[in-house]
Amino acid sequence: MAEIGSVPGAALTVAPLGHAALQRADFDVLYALHGALALLTGLLCLPVDTRPRAAPR
């Protein structure tokens, strides 16, 4: 599943950078976007309970 999710992320990163005259500002915007999305992912994962379940008796 992670491999499938990484394809659109890579495409969304490469698509805006697909022009010939790249400037540093182009990367700065994408870097900030990726940081914001990483924080959003962390916030969305906070309610996930990862503790093991008690063994049934």
C-alpha atoms as a PDB file:
ATOM      1  CA  MET A   1       0.000   0.000   0.000  1.00  0.00           C
ATOM      2  CA  ALA A   2       2.848   2.388   0.768  1.00  0.00           C
ATOM      3  CA  GLU A   3       4.234   1.882  -2.737  1.00  0.00           C
ATOM      4  CA  ILE A   4       0.895   2.837  -4.255  1.00  0.00           C
ATOM      5  CA  GLY A   5       0.626   5.933  -2.080  1.00  0.00           C
ATOM      6  CA  SER A   6       4.123   7.112  -2.967  1.00  0.00           C
ATOM      7  CA  VAL A   7       3.417   7.263  -6.706  1.00  0.00           C
ATOM      8  CA  PRO A   8       0.955  10.190  -6.558  1.00  0.00           C
ATOM      9  CA  GLY A   9       3.232  11.937  -4.068  1.00  0.00           C
ATOM     10  CA  ALA A  10       6.190  11.645  -6.390  1.00  0.00           C
ATOM     11  CA  ALA A  11       4.089  12.782  -9.342  1.00  0.00           C
ATOM     12  CA  LEU A  12       2.839  15.829  -7.425  1.00  0.00           C
ATOM     13  CA  THR A  13       6.423  16.688  -6.540  1.00  0.00           C
ATOM     14  CA  VAL A  14       7.866  16.289 -10.029  1.00  0.00           C
ATOM     15  CA  ALA A  15       5.013  17.894 -12.000  1.00  0.00           C
ATOM     16  CA  PRO A  16       5.565  21.497 -10.805  1.00  0.00           C
ATOM     17  CA  LEU A  17       9.313  21.122 -11.290  1.00  0.00           C
ATOM     18  CA  GLY A  18       9.011  19.939 -14.870  1.00  0.00           C
ATOM     19  CA  HIS A  19       9.998  23.211 -16.501  1.00  0.00           C
ATOM     20  CA  ALA A  20      13.464  24.135 -17.711  1.00  0.00           C
ATOM     21  CA  ALA A  21      14.188  27.232 -15.617  1.00  0.00           C
ATOM     22  CA  LEU A  22      14.165  25.938 -12.046  1.00  0.00           C
ATOM     23  CA  GLN A  23      14.773  28.400  -9.244  1.00  0.00           C
ATOM     24  CA  ARG A  24      15.439  27.736  -5.564  1.00  0.00           C
ATOM     25  CA  ALA A  25      12.039  29.213  -4.704  1.00  0.00           C
ATOM     26  CA  ASP A  26      10.406  26.370  -6.632  1.00  0.00           C
ATOM     27  CA  PHE A  27      11.938  23.879  -4.217  1.00  0.00           C
ATOM     28  CA  ASP A  28      11.187  25.989  -1.145  1.00  0.00           C
ATOM     29  CA  VAL A  29       7.449  25.879  -1.801  1.00  0.00           C
ATOM     30  CA  LEU A  30       7.471  22.112  -2.285  1.00  0.00           C
ATOM     31  CA  TYR A  31       9.641  21.615   0.797  1.00  0.00           C
ATOM     32  CA  ALA A  32       7.150  23.567   2.907  1.00  0.00           C
ATOM     33  CA  LEU A  33       4.237  21.647   1.365  1.00  0.00           C
ATOM     34  CA  HIS A  34       5.852  18.300   2.163  1.00  0.00           C
ATOM     35  CA  GLY A  35       6.511  19.427   5.724  1.00  0.00           C
ATOM     36  CA  ALA A  36       2.916  20.519   6.186  1.00  0.00           C
ATOM     37  CA  LEU A  37       1.630  17.235   4.775  1.00  0.00           C
ATOM     38  CA  ALA A  38       3.934  15.273   7.095  1.00  0.00           C
ATOM     39  CA  LEU A  39       2.553  17.182  10.084  1.00  0.00           C
ATOM     40  CA  LEU A  40      -0.994  16.552   8.895  1.00  0.00           C
ATOM     41  CA  THR A  41      -0.251  12.838   8.585  1.00  0.00           C
ATOM     42  CA  GLY A  42       1.096  12.778  12.132  1.00  0.00           C
ATOM     43  CA  LEU A  43      -1.977  14.544  13.469  1.00  0.00           C
ATOM     44  CA  LEU A  44      -4.298  12.157  11.651  1.00  0.00           C
ATOM     45  CA  CYS A  45      -2.415   9.174  13.104  1.00  0.00           C
ATOM     46  CA  LEU A  46      -2.623  10.362  16.726  1.00  0.00           C
ATOM     47  CA  PRO A  47      -5.969   8.658  17.458  1.00  0.00           C
ATOM     48  CA  VAL A  48      -4.768   5.280  16.103  1.00  0.00           C
ATOM     49  CA  ASP A  49      -4.496   2.777  18.962  1.00  0.00           C
ATOM     50  CA  THR A  50      -1.361   0.663  18.454  1.00  0.00           C
ATOM     51  CA  ARG A  51      -1.386  -1.142  21.805  1.00  0.00           C
ATOM     52  CA  PRO A  52      -1.663  -4.919  21.594  1.00  0.00           C
ATOM     53  CA  ARG A  53      -5.045  -6.358  22.438  1.00  0.00           C
ATOM     54  CA  ALA A  54      -5.491  -8.471  25.537  1.00  0.00           C
ATOM     55  CA  ALA A  55      -5.380 -12.205  24.855  1.00  0.00           C
ATOM     56  CA  PRO A  56      -8.836 -13.816  24.867  1.00  0.00           C
ATOM     57  CA  ARG A  57      -9.504 -16.178  27.757  1.00  0.00           C
END
